[in-house]
Amino acid sequence: GTTEEDDIDLGPTDRRVEEEEEGQPRVSPDADVKVLAVEPSDGTFPANSLIRMLVGMTNKGDKTMRVHGAQAFFVHPQDYSYFMYNHTATGYHTDIAAGHEATFQYMFFIHESFHSRPMGLLMVLDY
């Protein structure tokens, strides 16, 4: 179960898009992306706190991939197309060579007004 402090659904971990949809970015089959929430260490997302996440990407392709940045969004838990809040975009501007991986830190603050509100968290990695 969840408590008032951890009603944030991380949603599907793999949202691959096979074909580019109108207005939607395409996801590369050569990118393997993982997101890990590391702080707070108990896995909760309490209001009025700093959240630290690690975003890892493995380049499974044969060409270098450029990671431009990341951004997190609070979304409606039943409709990930309904954005409730946009967090700061962080720029990385890093190349990942074919067959290599890289890990990036992403941090954001959860304002106290989000206390006791269920929501999803959508992470976007721009590459």
N, C-alpha and C. Protein backbone atom coordinates (compact mmCIF):
# COMPACT_ATOMS: atom_id res chain seq x y z
N GLY A 1 0.82 -1.19 0.00
CA GLY A 1 0.00 0.00 0.00
C GLY A 1 0.86 1.25 0.00
N THR A 2 0.20 2.37 -0.13
CA THR A 2 0.91 3.65 -0.13
C THR A 2 0.45 4.49 1.04
N THR A 3 1.24 5.47 1.40
CA THR A 3 0.87 6.41 2.44
C THR A 3 0.69 7.77 1.80
N GLU A 4 0.33 8.75 2.62
CA GLU A 4 0.17 10.09 2.08
C GLU A 4 1.47 10.62 1.51
N GLU A 5 2.60 10.11 1.98
CA GLU A 5 3.88 10.62 1.53
C GLU A 5 4.40 9.96 0.27
N ASP A 6 3.86 8.79 -0.12
CA ASP A 6 4.46 8.10 -1.26
C ASP A 6 3.44 7.70 -2.32
N ASP A 7 2.44 8.53 -2.56
CA ASP A 7 1.43 8.25 -3.57
C ASP A 7 1.88 8.66 -4.97
N ILE A 8 3.14 8.49 -5.29
CA ILE A 8 3.64 8.83 -6.61
C ILE A 8 3.93 7.54 -7.36
N ASP A 9 3.25 7.36 -8.47
CA ASP A 9 3.40 6.17 -9.30
C ASP A 9 4.48 6.44 -10.33
N LEU A 10 5.53 5.63 -10.34
CA LEU A 10 6.59 5.82 -11.32
C LEU A 10 6.17 5.38 -12.71
N GLY A 11 5.02 4.74 -12.83
CA GLY A 11 4.48 4.38 -14.13
C GLY A 11 5.28 3.31 -14.83
N PRO A 12 4.95 3.08 -16.09
CA PRO A 12 5.67 2.06 -16.85
C PRO A 12 7.14 2.41 -16.95
N THR A 13 8.01 1.41 -16.83
CA THR A 13 9.45 1.68 -16.90
C THR A 13 9.96 1.68 -18.33
N ASP A 14 9.19 1.16 -19.25
CA ASP A 14 9.64 1.10 -20.64
C ASP A 14 8.49 1.56 -21.54
N ARG A 15 8.60 2.76 -22.09
CA ARG A 15 7.53 3.31 -22.92
C ARG A 15 8.04 3.46 -24.35
N ARG A 16 8.45 2.36 -24.95
CA ARG A 16 9.00 2.40 -26.31
C ARG A 16 7.92 2.72 -27.33
N VAL A 17 8.27 3.56 -28.27
CA VAL A 17 7.37 3.94 -29.34
C VAL A 17 7.93 3.34 -30.63
N GLU A 18 7.19 2.44 -31.24
CA GLU A 18 7.69 1.78 -32.45
C GLU A 18 7.69 2.72 -33.65
N GLU A 19 6.66 3.53 -33.78
CA GLU A 19 6.58 4.49 -34.87
C GLU A 19 6.33 5.87 -34.29
N GLU A 20 6.88 6.87 -34.92
CA GLU A 20 6.69 8.22 -34.44
C GLU A 20 5.23 8.63 -34.60
N GLU A 21 4.61 9.01 -33.48
CA GLU A 21 3.24 9.49 -33.51
C GLU A 21 3.28 11.01 -33.66
N GLU A 22 2.21 11.56 -34.18
CA GLU A 22 2.17 13.01 -34.39
C GLU A 22 2.36 13.73 -33.06
N GLY A 23 3.37 14.59 -32.99
CA GLY A 23 3.64 15.37 -31.80
C GLY A 23 4.37 14.61 -30.71
N GLN A 24 4.68 13.35 -30.91
CA GLN A 24 5.36 12.54 -29.90
C GLN A 24 6.78 12.22 -30.36
N PRO A 25 7.75 12.31 -29.45
CA PRO A 25 9.12 11.94 -29.84
C PRO A 25 9.23 10.44 -30.04
N ARG A 26 10.16 10.05 -30.86
CA ARG A 26 10.41 8.64 -31.12
C ARG A 26 11.49 8.13 -30.18
N VAL A 27 11.35 6.91 -29.71
CA VAL A 27 12.31 6.31 -28.80
C VAL A 27 13.17 5.35 -29.60
N SER A 28 14.49 5.43 -29.42
CA SER A 28 15.40 4.58 -30.15
C SER A 28 15.45 3.18 -29.54
N PRO A 29 15.40 2.15 -30.37
CA PRO A 29 15.55 0.79 -29.84
C PRO A 29 16.98 0.52 -29.37
N ASP A 30 17.92 1.42 -29.70
CA ASP A 30 19.32 1.27 -29.28
C ASP A 30 19.59 1.88 -27.90
N ALA A 31 18.60 2.55 -27.33
CA ALA A 31 18.77 3.18 -26.02
C ALA A 31 18.06 2.35 -24.96
N ASP A 32 18.79 1.96 -23.95
CA ASP A 32 18.22 1.26 -22.80
C ASP A 32 18.33 2.20 -21.62
N VAL A 33 17.19 2.72 -21.15
CA VAL A 33 17.17 3.75 -20.12
C VAL A 33 16.54 3.20 -18.84
N LYS A 34 17.18 3.46 -17.72
CA LYS A 34 16.70 3.05 -16.40
C LYS A 34 16.71 4.26 -15.49
N VAL A 35 15.71 4.33 -14.59
CA VAL A 35 15.61 5.42 -13.62
C VAL A 35 15.55 4.81 -12.22
N LEU A 36 16.36 5.36 -11.31
CA LEU A 36 16.40 4.87 -9.94
C LEU A 36 16.27 6.05 -8.99
N ALA A 37 15.28 6.01 -8.11
CA ALA A 37 15.14 7.03 -7.08
C ALA A 37 16.06 6.64 -5.92
N VAL A 38 17.00 7.52 -5.55
CA VAL A 38 17.98 7.18 -4.52
C VAL A 38 17.85 8.00 -3.24
N GLU A 39 17.19 9.13 -3.29
CA GLU A 39 17.02 9.94 -2.09
C GLU A 39 15.66 10.61 -2.11
N PRO A 40 14.85 10.42 -1.08
CA PRO A 40 15.12 9.68 0.14
C PRO A 40 15.32 8.19 -0.13
N SER A 41 16.10 7.55 0.71
CA SER A 41 16.49 6.16 0.48
C SER A 41 15.37 5.17 0.73
N ASP A 42 14.28 5.58 1.37
CA ASP A 42 13.19 4.64 1.64
C ASP A 42 12.21 4.54 0.48
N GLY A 43 12.47 5.24 -0.62
CA GLY A 43 11.63 5.14 -1.81
C GLY A 43 10.38 5.99 -1.78
N THR A 44 10.19 6.79 -0.74
CA THR A 44 9.02 7.67 -0.69
C THR A 44 9.34 8.98 -1.40
N PHE A 45 8.30 9.73 -1.73
CA PHE A 45 8.44 11.05 -2.34
C PHE A 45 7.67 12.05 -1.48
N PRO A 46 8.16 12.37 -0.28
CA PRO A 46 7.41 13.26 0.60
C PRO A 46 7.40 14.70 0.10
N ALA A 47 6.29 15.37 0.37
CA ALA A 47 6.18 16.78 0.01
C ALA A 47 7.20 17.58 0.80
N ASN A 48 7.60 18.72 0.25
CA ASN A 48 8.54 19.64 0.89
C ASN A 48 9.92 18.99 1.07
N SER A 49 10.35 18.22 0.06
CA SER A 49 11.65 17.56 0.16
C SER A 49 12.36 17.54 -1.20
N LEU A 50 13.66 17.35 -1.14
CA LEU A 50 14.49 17.23 -2.33
C LEU A 50 14.55 15.75 -2.72
N ILE A 51 14.32 15.47 -3.99
CA ILE A 51 14.36 14.11 -4.52
C ILE A 51 15.57 14.01 -5.44
N ARG A 52 16.34 12.93 -5.27
CA ARG A 52 17.51 12.71 -6.13
C ARG A 52 17.32 11.39 -6.85
N MET A 53 17.46 11.43 -8.17
CA MET A 53 17.30 10.25 -9.00
C MET A 53 18.54 10.07 -9.86
N LEU A 54 18.80 8.82 -10.22
CA LEU A 54 19.86 8.52 -11.18
C LEU A 54 19.19 8.00 -12.44
N VAL A 55 19.62 8.54 -13.58
CA VAL A 55 19.10 8.13 -14.87
C VAL A 55 20.26 7.51 -15.64
N GLY A 56 20.15 6.22 -15.93
CA GLY A 56 21.21 5.52 -16.64
C GLY A 56 20.78 5.21 -18.06
N MET A 57 21.72 5.31 -18.99
CA MET A 57 21.43 4.98 -20.38
C MET A 57 22.57 4.14 -20.94
N THR A 58 22.20 3.02 -21.57
CA THR A 58 23.14 2.18 -22.28
C THR A 58 22.89 2.34 -23.77
N ASN A 59 23.95 2.60 -24.53
CA ASN A 59 23.85 2.73 -25.98
C ASN A 59 24.13 1.35 -26.57
N LYS A 60 23.05 0.66 -26.99
CA LYS A 60 23.18 -0.68 -27.56
C LYS A 60 23.42 -0.65 -29.06
N GLY A 61 23.50 0.54 -29.64
CA GLY A 61 23.66 0.67 -31.08
C GLY A 61 25.11 0.67 -31.51
N ASP A 62 25.31 1.03 -32.79
CA ASP A 62 26.67 1.07 -33.33
C ASP A 62 27.14 2.48 -33.64
N LYS A 63 26.37 3.49 -33.20
CA LYS A 63 26.73 4.90 -33.40
C LYS A 63 26.67 5.62 -32.06
N THR A 64 27.45 6.67 -31.93
CA THR A 64 27.43 7.50 -30.72
C THR A 64 26.08 8.19 -30.59
N MET A 65 25.56 8.23 -29.36
CA MET A 65 24.30 8.93 -29.08
C MET A 65 24.61 10.11 -28.17
N ARG A 66 23.94 11.22 -28.41
CA ARG A 66 24.12 12.44 -27.61
C ARG A 66 22.95 12.58 -26.66
N VAL A 67 23.23 12.67 -25.36
CA VAL A 67 22.20 12.92 -24.35
C VAL A 67 22.18 14.42 -24.09
N HIS A 68 21.06 15.05 -24.43
CA HIS A 68 20.94 16.50 -24.27
C HIS A 68 20.54 16.89 -22.86
N GLY A 69 19.58 16.16 -22.27
CA GLY A 69 19.13 16.50 -20.92
C GLY A 69 17.97 15.65 -20.47
N ALA A 70 17.42 16.00 -19.30
CA ALA A 70 16.29 15.28 -18.73
C ALA A 70 15.35 16.26 -18.06
N GLN A 71 14.10 15.82 -17.93
CA GLN A 71 13.09 16.61 -17.23
C GLN A 71 12.06 15.66 -16.64
N ALA A 72 11.53 16.02 -15.48
CA ALA A 72 10.49 15.22 -14.83
C ALA A 72 9.18 16.00 -14.82
N PHE A 73 8.09 15.25 -14.85
CA PHE A 73 6.76 15.84 -14.85
C PHE A 73 5.87 15.07 -13.88
N PHE A 74 5.07 15.78 -13.09
CA PHE A 74 4.00 15.12 -12.36
C PHE A 74 2.83 15.01 -13.31
N VAL A 75 2.26 13.83 -13.40
CA VAL A 75 1.15 13.58 -14.31
C VAL A 75 0.01 12.94 -13.55
N HIS A 76 -1.18 12.98 -14.14
CA HIS A 76 -2.34 12.34 -13.54
C HIS A 76 -2.07 10.83 -13.51
N PRO A 77 -2.34 10.16 -12.38
CA PRO A 77 -1.98 8.74 -12.27
C PRO A 77 -2.72 7.81 -13.23
N GLN A 78 -3.88 8.22 -13.75
CA GLN A 78 -4.60 7.38 -14.70
C GLN A 78 -4.44 7.86 -16.15
N ASP A 79 -3.84 9.04 -16.35
CA ASP A 79 -3.70 9.59 -17.70
C ASP A 79 -2.37 10.32 -17.79
N TYR A 80 -1.34 9.60 -18.29
CA TYR A 80 0.00 10.17 -18.35
C TYR A 80 0.14 11.28 -19.38
N SER A 81 -0.90 11.57 -20.15
CA SER A 81 -0.85 12.70 -21.08
C SER A 81 -1.32 13.99 -20.42
N TYR A 82 -1.85 13.91 -19.18
CA TYR A 82 -2.32 15.08 -18.45
C TYR A 82 -1.23 15.51 -17.47
N PHE A 83 -0.52 16.59 -17.81
CA PHE A 83 0.59 17.08 -17.00
C PHE A 83 0.07 17.98 -15.89
N MET A 84 0.47 17.69 -14.66
CA MET A 84 0.05 18.48 -13.50
C MET A 84 1.11 19.51 -13.10
N TYR A 85 2.39 19.16 -13.35
CA TYR A 85 3.48 20.06 -12.96
C TYR A 85 4.74 19.66 -13.71
N ASN A 86 5.49 20.64 -14.17
CA ASN A 86 6.76 20.40 -14.87
C ASN A 86 7.91 20.78 -13.96
N HIS A 87 8.87 19.88 -13.79
CA HIS A 87 10.06 20.18 -13.00
C HIS A 87 11.16 20.71 -13.91
N THR A 88 12.18 21.23 -13.33
CA THR A 88 13.29 21.84 -14.04
C THR A 88 13.95 20.87 -15.02
N ALA A 89 14.25 21.38 -16.20
CA ALA A 89 15.02 20.60 -17.17
C ALA A 89 16.50 20.75 -16.83
N THR A 90 17.22 19.64 -16.88
CA THR A 90 18.65 19.64 -16.60
C THR A 90 19.39 19.24 -17.86
N GLY A 91 20.39 20.03 -18.25
CA GLY A 91 21.17 19.74 -19.45
C GLY A 91 22.39 18.88 -19.12
N TYR A 92 22.65 17.88 -19.96
CA TYR A 92 23.82 17.02 -19.78
C TYR A 92 24.81 17.16 -20.94
N HIS A 93 24.33 17.27 -22.16
CA HIS A 93 25.17 17.49 -23.34
C HIS A 93 26.37 16.54 -23.35
N THR A 94 26.07 15.25 -23.29
CA THR A 94 27.10 14.21 -23.18
C THR A 94 26.94 13.18 -24.28
N ASP A 95 28.05 12.78 -24.88
CA ASP A 95 28.02 11.71 -25.88
C ASP A 95 28.25 10.36 -25.21
N ILE A 96 27.49 9.35 -25.65
CA ILE A 96 27.68 7.98 -25.18
C ILE A 96 28.07 7.15 -26.39
N ALA A 97 29.27 6.63 -26.37
CA ALA A 97 29.78 5.84 -27.49
C ALA A 97 29.02 4.52 -27.60
N ALA A 98 29.02 3.95 -28.79
CA ALA A 98 28.35 2.67 -29.02
C ALA A 98 28.89 1.64 -28.04
N GLY A 99 27.97 0.88 -27.41
CA GLY A 99 28.35 -0.16 -26.47
C GLY A 99 28.72 0.33 -25.08
N HIS A 100 28.56 1.62 -24.83
CA HIS A 100 28.90 2.19 -23.53
C HIS A 100 27.64 2.65 -22.80
N GLU A 101 27.82 3.01 -21.55
CA GLU A 101 26.71 3.52 -20.75
C GLU A 101 27.15 4.73 -19.96
N ALA A 102 26.17 5.50 -19.50
CA ALA A 102 26.44 6.67 -18.67
C ALA A 102 25.29 6.83 -17.68
N THR A 103 25.60 7.43 -16.54
CA THR A 103 24.59 7.68 -15.51
C THR A 103 24.60 9.17 -15.20
N PHE A 104 23.39 9.73 -15.08
CA PHE A 104 23.22 11.15 -14.82
C PHE A 104 22.39 11.34 -13.56
N GLN A 105 22.72 12.37 -12.80
CA GLN A 105 21.93 12.70 -11.61
C GLN A 105 20.87 13.73 -11.99
N TYR A 106 19.65 13.51 -11.50
CA TYR A 106 18.55 14.46 -11.71
C TYR A 106 17.93 14.71 -10.34
N MET A 107 17.79 15.98 -9.97
CA MET A 107 17.21 16.33 -8.68
C MET A 107 16.05 17.31 -8.88
N PHE A 108 15.05 17.19 -8.01
CA PHE A 108 13.95 18.15 -8.02
C PHE A 108 13.36 18.25 -6.62
N PHE A 109 12.66 19.33 -6.38
CA PHE A 109 12.05 19.60 -5.08
C PHE A 109 10.54 19.43 -5.22
N ILE A 110 9.94 18.73 -4.27
CA ILE A 110 8.48 18.57 -4.27
C ILE A 110 7.89 19.61 -3.33
N HIS A 111 7.13 20.52 -3.88
CA HIS A 111 6.52 21.60 -3.11
C HIS A 111 5.47 21.02 -2.15
N GLU A 112 5.29 21.68 -1.02
CA GLU A 112 4.34 21.21 -0.01
C GLU A 112 2.90 21.15 -0.50
N SER A 113 2.57 21.89 -1.56
CA SER A 113 1.19 21.85 -2.08
C SER A 113 0.84 20.49 -2.69
N PHE A 114 1.84 19.62 -2.92
CA PHE A 114 1.57 18.29 -3.48
C PHE A 114 1.37 17.23 -2.39
N HIS A 115 1.36 17.62 -1.13
CA HIS A 115 1.13 16.69 -0.03
C HIS A 115 -0.25 16.03 -0.19
N SER A 116 -0.30 14.73 -0.04
CA SER A 116 -1.54 13.93 -0.08
C SER A 116 -2.24 13.90 -1.43
N ARG A 117 -1.52 14.20 -2.49
CA ARG A 117 -2.13 14.14 -3.82
C ARG A 117 -1.51 12.98 -4.59
N PRO A 118 -2.30 12.00 -4.99
CA PRO A 118 -1.74 10.92 -5.81
C PRO A 118 -1.39 11.45 -7.20
N MET A 119 -0.25 11.02 -7.71
CA MET A 119 0.16 11.46 -9.04
C MET A 119 1.22 10.51 -9.57
N GLY A 120 1.43 10.57 -10.86
CA GLY A 120 2.49 9.79 -11.49
C GLY A 120 3.69 10.68 -11.73
N LEU A 121 4.83 10.06 -11.91
CA LEU A 121 6.05 10.79 -12.23
C LEU A 121 6.56 10.28 -13.56
N LEU A 122 6.67 11.17 -14.53
CA LEU A 122 7.15 10.82 -15.86
C LEU A 122 8.52 11.45 -16.05
N MET A 123 9.53 10.64 -16.34
CA MET A 123 10.88 11.13 -16.61
C MET A 123 11.09 11.09 -18.12
N VAL A 124 11.62 12.18 -18.66
CA VAL A 124 11.91 12.28 -20.09
C VAL A 124 13.41 12.51 -20.26
N LEU A 125 14.05 11.65 -21.02
CA LEU A 125 15.47 11.79 -21.35
C LEU A 125 15.55 12.18 -22.81
N ASP A 126 16.12 13.35 -23.07
CA ASP A 126 16.22 13.88 -24.43
C ASP A 126 17.56 13.48 -25.03
N TYR A 127 17.53 12.66 -26.08
CA TYR A 127 18.77 12.24 -26.75
C TYR A 127 18.58 12.18 -28.24
